[in-house]
Amino acid sequence: MSEIVITKENFDEEVRNYRGLPILLDFWASWCGPCMMLAPIVEEIAEEYAGKIKVGQINVDEQPELAAAFNVSSIPLLVTVKDGAITGQAVGYRSKADVLKLLGL
């Protein structure tokens, strides 16, 4: 699995202070149908673009502080980050092409 589980403990190292590859953050929950539909697409992108992007998974039920910090009100929420700055976001299920477009790929 190419995705990284992002928690409040590793957020600064993996996202906020990370300089390098673009990051795709996937905010999700196990009870969310659209999140479960999006999960295989995010996993496929993580594998196909390994070394070109970094993909992080954030479970909103387990990481409420991170969900609050990103003002998550609907999931799934995809957020792109580059050098610690948010560069884009999309709410709801997205096709693989839409996710790649969000990443600029």
N, C-alpha and C. Protein backbone atom coordinates (compact mmCIF):
# COMPACT_ATOMS: atom_id res chain seq x y z
N MET A 1 0.85 -1.19 0.00
CA MET A 1 0.00 0.00 0.00
C MET A 1 0.89 1.24 0.00
N SER A 2 0.65 2.11 -0.93
CA SER A 2 1.48 3.31 -1.09
C SER A 2 0.97 4.49 -0.27
N GLU A 3 -0.25 4.37 0.26
CA GLU A 3 -0.79 5.48 1.04
C GLU A 3 -0.20 5.48 2.45
N ILE A 4 -0.12 6.67 3.01
CA ILE A 4 0.37 6.85 4.37
C ILE A 4 -0.82 7.23 5.25
N VAL A 5 -0.93 6.60 6.41
CA VAL A 5 -1.97 6.97 7.36
C VAL A 5 -1.48 8.22 8.08
N ILE A 6 -2.24 9.30 7.92
CA ILE A 6 -1.86 10.58 8.54
C ILE A 6 -2.62 10.73 9.86
N THR A 7 -1.87 11.04 10.91
CA THR A 7 -2.46 11.27 12.23
C THR A 7 -1.98 12.63 12.73
N LYS A 8 -2.56 13.08 13.83
CA LYS A 8 -2.09 14.36 14.39
C LYS A 8 -0.63 14.24 14.82
N GLU A 9 -0.19 13.02 15.16
CA GLU A 9 1.19 12.81 15.61
C GLU A 9 2.20 12.95 14.47
N ASN A 10 1.85 12.51 13.26
CA ASN A 10 2.81 12.57 12.15
C ASN A 10 2.48 13.65 11.12
N PHE A 11 1.44 14.45 11.36
CA PHE A 11 1.00 15.44 10.38
C PHE A 11 2.09 16.46 10.04
N ASP A 12 2.75 17.01 11.05
CA ASP A 12 3.78 18.02 10.78
C ASP A 12 4.89 17.46 9.90
N GLU A 13 5.37 16.27 10.24
CA GLU A 13 6.46 15.66 9.47
C GLU A 13 6.02 15.27 8.06
N GLU A 14 4.84 14.65 7.94
CA GLU A 14 4.40 14.11 6.65
C GLU A 14 3.75 15.15 5.74
N VAL A 15 3.18 16.22 6.30
CA VAL A 15 2.44 17.19 5.48
C VAL A 15 2.92 18.62 5.69
N ARG A 16 2.73 19.17 6.87
CA ARG A 16 2.98 20.60 7.10
C ARG A 16 4.42 21.02 6.78
N ASN A 17 5.39 20.25 7.24
CA ASN A 17 6.79 20.62 7.06
C ASN A 17 7.46 19.89 5.90
N TYR A 18 6.70 19.07 5.18
CA TYR A 18 7.25 18.29 4.08
C TYR A 18 7.47 19.18 2.86
N ARG A 19 8.64 19.08 2.30
CA ARG A 19 8.96 19.82 1.07
C ARG A 19 9.40 18.81 0.04
N GLY A 20 8.71 18.78 -1.07
CA GLY A 20 9.05 17.80 -2.10
C GLY A 20 7.86 17.51 -2.98
N LEU A 21 7.44 16.26 -3.01
CA LEU A 21 6.37 15.83 -3.89
C LEU A 21 5.04 16.47 -3.50
N PRO A 22 4.14 16.67 -4.48
CA PRO A 22 2.78 17.09 -4.14
C PRO A 22 2.12 16.00 -3.29
N ILE A 23 1.22 16.42 -2.42
CA ILE A 23 0.54 15.48 -1.52
C ILE A 23 -0.96 15.51 -1.81
N LEU A 24 -1.55 14.31 -1.87
CA LEU A 24 -3.00 14.18 -1.96
C LEU A 24 -3.47 13.62 -0.62
N LEU A 25 -4.31 14.40 0.08
CA LEU A 25 -4.89 13.96 1.34
C LEU A 25 -6.33 13.53 1.09
N ASP A 26 -6.67 12.35 1.57
CA ASP A 26 -8.02 11.80 1.43
C ASP A 26 -8.64 11.72 2.81
N PHE A 27 -9.61 12.61 3.08
CA PHE A 27 -10.36 12.59 4.33
C PHE A 27 -11.55 11.67 4.13
N TRP A 28 -11.69 10.65 4.99
CA TRP A 28 -12.70 9.63 4.78
C TRP A 28 -13.19 9.07 6.11
N ALA A 29 -14.22 8.21 6.03
CA ALA A 29 -14.71 7.46 7.19
C ALA A 29 -15.24 6.12 6.69
N SER A 30 -15.18 5.11 7.53
CA SER A 30 -15.58 3.76 7.13
C SER A 30 -17.08 3.65 6.85
N TRP A 31 -17.89 4.52 7.43
CA TRP A 31 -19.34 4.47 7.24
C TRP A 31 -19.79 5.26 6.01
N CYS A 32 -18.88 5.89 5.31
CA CYS A 32 -19.20 6.78 4.18
C CYS A 32 -19.15 6.00 2.86
N GLY A 33 -20.31 5.79 2.24
CA GLY A 33 -20.39 5.06 0.97
C GLY A 33 -19.53 5.65 -0.13
N PRO A 34 -19.66 6.96 -0.41
CA PRO A 34 -18.83 7.56 -1.45
C PRO A 34 -17.33 7.45 -1.14
N CYS A 35 -16.96 7.48 0.15
CA CYS A 35 -15.55 7.32 0.53
C CYS A 35 -15.06 5.92 0.12
N MET A 36 -15.89 4.91 0.35
CA MET A 36 -15.52 3.54 0.01
C MET A 36 -15.42 3.36 -1.52
N MET A 37 -16.25 4.10 -2.26
CA MET A 37 -16.18 4.06 -3.73
C MET A 37 -14.92 4.75 -4.24
N LEU A 38 -14.49 5.79 -3.55
CA LEU A 38 -13.31 6.55 -3.96
C LEU A 38 -12.00 5.87 -3.57
N ALA A 39 -12.03 5.08 -2.50
CA ALA A 39 -10.82 4.46 -1.96
C ALA A 39 -10.00 3.69 -3.00
N PRO A 40 -10.61 2.84 -3.84
CA PRO A 40 -9.79 2.11 -4.81
C PRO A 40 -9.13 3.03 -5.84
N ILE A 41 -9.77 4.13 -6.17
CA ILE A 41 -9.21 5.09 -7.12
C ILE A 41 -7.98 5.76 -6.50
N VAL A 42 -8.11 6.18 -5.25
CA VAL A 42 -6.99 6.83 -4.56
C VAL A 42 -5.83 5.84 -4.42
N GLU A 43 -6.14 4.59 -4.09
CA GLU A 43 -5.10 3.57 -3.95
C GLU A 43 -4.40 3.32 -5.29
N GLU A 44 -5.17 3.25 -6.36
CA GLU A 44 -4.60 3.05 -7.69
C GLU A 44 -3.67 4.20 -8.08
N ILE A 45 -4.10 5.43 -7.81
CA ILE A 45 -3.28 6.61 -8.11
C ILE A 45 -2.00 6.57 -7.28
N ALA A 46 -2.12 6.20 -6.00
CA ALA A 46 -0.94 6.13 -5.12
C ALA A 46 0.08 5.14 -5.67
N GLU A 47 -0.39 4.02 -6.17
CA GLU A 47 0.52 3.00 -6.71
C GLU A 47 1.10 3.44 -8.05
N GLU A 48 0.25 3.94 -8.94
CA GLU A 48 0.69 4.33 -10.28
C GLU A 48 1.65 5.52 -10.26
N TYR A 49 1.47 6.42 -9.31
CA TYR A 49 2.27 7.64 -9.27
C TYR A 49 3.24 7.66 -8.10
N ALA A 50 3.57 6.48 -7.58
CA ALA A 50 4.55 6.38 -6.49
C ALA A 50 5.85 7.02 -6.95
N GLY A 51 6.42 7.87 -6.11
CA GLY A 51 7.64 8.58 -6.47
C GLY A 51 7.37 9.92 -7.13
N LYS A 52 6.10 10.15 -7.53
CA LYS A 52 5.72 11.43 -8.15
C LYS A 52 4.79 12.23 -7.27
N ILE A 53 4.00 11.51 -6.45
CA ILE A 53 3.12 12.16 -5.48
C ILE A 53 3.16 11.35 -4.19
N LYS A 54 2.71 11.99 -3.13
CA LYS A 54 2.58 11.34 -1.83
C LYS A 54 1.08 11.32 -1.53
N VAL A 55 0.56 10.20 -1.05
CA VAL A 55 -0.87 10.09 -0.76
C VAL A 55 -1.05 9.77 0.71
N GLY A 56 -1.87 10.58 1.37
CA GLY A 56 -2.15 10.39 2.79
C GLY A 56 -3.62 10.15 3.04
N GLN A 57 -3.93 9.22 3.92
CA GLN A 57 -5.30 8.90 4.32
C GLN A 57 -5.56 9.46 5.71
N ILE A 58 -6.65 10.19 5.87
CA ILE A 58 -7.02 10.73 7.18
C ILE A 58 -8.44 10.28 7.50
N ASN A 59 -8.57 9.41 8.50
CA ASN A 59 -9.87 8.94 8.95
C ASN A 59 -10.45 10.03 9.87
N VAL A 60 -11.54 10.65 9.46
CA VAL A 60 -12.08 11.79 10.22
C VAL A 60 -12.61 11.38 11.59
N ASP A 61 -13.02 10.13 11.74
CA ASP A 61 -13.50 9.67 13.05
C ASP A 61 -12.34 9.47 14.02
N GLU A 62 -11.19 9.05 13.51
CA GLU A 62 -10.03 8.81 14.36
C GLU A 62 -9.16 10.06 14.54
N GLN A 63 -9.31 11.03 13.64
CA GLN A 63 -8.49 12.25 13.67
C GLN A 63 -9.37 13.50 13.62
N PRO A 64 -10.23 13.70 14.62
CA PRO A 64 -11.15 14.85 14.59
C PRO A 64 -10.42 16.19 14.59
N GLU A 65 -9.23 16.24 15.20
CA GLU A 65 -8.48 17.50 15.24
C GLU A 65 -8.05 17.91 13.83
N LEU A 66 -7.60 16.94 13.03
CA LEU A 66 -7.19 17.25 11.66
C LEU A 66 -8.41 17.61 10.80
N ALA A 67 -9.51 16.89 11.02
CA ALA A 67 -10.74 17.22 10.28
C ALA A 67 -11.17 18.65 10.58
N ALA A 68 -11.09 19.04 11.85
CA ALA A 68 -11.46 20.41 12.24
C ALA A 68 -10.49 21.42 11.65
N ALA A 69 -9.20 21.09 11.65
CA ALA A 69 -8.19 22.02 11.13
C ALA A 69 -8.40 22.30 9.64
N PHE A 70 -8.94 21.32 8.92
CA PHE A 70 -9.21 21.50 7.49
C PHE A 70 -10.67 21.88 7.22
N ASN A 71 -11.42 22.17 8.28
CA ASN A 71 -12.84 22.56 8.16
C ASN A 71 -13.64 21.55 7.36
N VAL A 72 -13.41 20.27 7.62
CA VAL A 72 -14.11 19.21 6.90
C VAL A 72 -15.56 19.18 7.36
N SER A 73 -16.48 19.43 6.42
CA SER A 73 -17.90 19.36 6.74
C SER A 73 -18.59 18.27 5.93
N SER A 74 -17.98 17.83 4.84
CA SER A 74 -18.49 16.75 4.01
C SER A 74 -17.33 15.87 3.58
N ILE A 75 -17.62 14.57 3.47
CA ILE A 75 -16.60 13.64 3.00
C ILE A 75 -17.18 12.78 1.90
N PRO A 76 -16.36 12.21 1.05
CA PRO A 76 -14.93 12.34 1.03
C PRO A 76 -14.49 13.75 0.65
N LEU A 77 -13.36 14.14 1.20
CA LEU A 77 -12.73 15.42 0.85
C LEU A 77 -11.30 15.12 0.42
N LEU A 78 -10.96 15.55 -0.78
CA LEU A 78 -9.59 15.43 -1.27
C LEU A 78 -8.96 16.81 -1.20
N VAL A 79 -7.77 16.88 -0.64
CA VAL A 79 -7.03 18.13 -0.53
C VAL A 79 -5.64 17.91 -1.11
N THR A 80 -5.20 18.82 -1.97
CA THR A 80 -3.84 18.74 -2.48
C THR A 80 -2.99 19.78 -1.76
N VAL A 81 -1.76 19.38 -1.43
CA VAL A 81 -0.84 20.22 -0.67
C VAL A 81 0.52 20.17 -1.36
N LYS A 82 1.16 21.32 -1.47
CA LYS A 82 2.52 21.38 -2.00
C LYS A 82 3.32 22.31 -1.10
N ASP A 83 4.42 21.80 -0.58
CA ASP A 83 5.31 22.58 0.30
C ASP A 83 4.55 23.24 1.45
N GLY A 84 3.63 22.50 2.05
CA GLY A 84 2.90 22.97 3.22
C GLY A 84 1.69 23.84 2.94
N ALA A 85 1.42 24.15 1.67
CA ALA A 85 0.29 25.02 1.32
C ALA A 85 -0.77 24.23 0.56
N ILE A 86 -2.03 24.49 0.89
CA ILE A 86 -3.14 23.84 0.18
C ILE A 86 -3.22 24.43 -1.23
N THR A 87 -3.24 23.53 -2.23
CA THR A 87 -3.28 23.97 -3.62
C THR A 87 -4.61 23.66 -4.30
N GLY A 88 -5.44 22.83 -3.67
CA GLY A 88 -6.73 22.50 -4.25
C GLY A 88 -7.51 21.59 -3.35
N GLN A 89 -8.82 21.50 -3.62
CA GLN A 89 -9.64 20.55 -2.88
C GLN A 89 -10.91 20.24 -3.66
N ALA A 90 -11.47 19.07 -3.36
CA ALA A 90 -12.69 18.62 -4.01
C ALA A 90 -13.47 17.77 -3.01
N VAL A 91 -14.78 18.03 -2.94
CA VAL A 91 -15.66 17.29 -2.03
C VAL A 91 -16.48 16.30 -2.84
N GLY A 92 -16.67 15.11 -2.29
CA GLY A 92 -17.51 14.11 -2.93
C GLY A 92 -16.72 13.16 -3.80
N TYR A 93 -17.43 12.15 -4.29
CA TYR A 93 -16.80 11.16 -5.16
C TYR A 93 -16.28 11.83 -6.41
N ARG A 94 -15.11 11.43 -6.87
CA ARG A 94 -14.51 11.95 -8.09
C ARG A 94 -13.98 10.79 -8.91
N SER A 95 -14.03 10.95 -10.22
CA SER A 95 -13.45 9.93 -11.11
C SER A 95 -11.93 10.02 -11.01
N LYS A 96 -11.27 8.99 -11.51
CA LYS A 96 -9.81 8.98 -11.52
C LYS A 96 -9.29 10.19 -12.30
N ALA A 97 -9.90 10.48 -13.45
CA ALA A 97 -9.49 11.62 -14.27
C ALA A 97 -9.62 12.92 -13.50
N ASP A 98 -10.69 13.08 -12.72
CA ASP A 98 -10.89 14.29 -11.93
C ASP A 98 -9.84 14.43 -10.83
N VAL A 99 -9.48 13.31 -10.20
CA VAL A 99 -8.46 13.34 -9.15
C VAL A 99 -7.11 13.70 -9.75
N LEU A 100 -6.79 13.12 -10.90
CA LEU A 100 -5.52 13.43 -11.56
C LEU A 100 -5.48 14.91 -11.98
N LYS A 101 -6.61 15.43 -12.42
CA LYS A 101 -6.68 16.85 -12.80
C LYS A 101 -6.46 17.73 -11.56
N LEU A 102 -7.05 17.35 -10.45
CA LEU A 102 -6.86 18.09 -9.20
C LEU A 102 -5.38 18.13 -8.82
N LEU A 103 -4.67 17.03 -9.10
CA LEU A 103 -3.25 16.94 -8.81
C LEU A 103 -2.38 17.62 -9.88
N GLY A 104 -3.00 18.02 -10.98
CA GLY A 104 -2.23 18.62 -12.06
C GLY A 104 -1.48 17.59 -12.88
N LEU A 105 -1.99 16.35 -12.90
CA LEU A 105 -1.32 15.28 -13.65
C LEU A 105 -2.11 14.91 -14.90
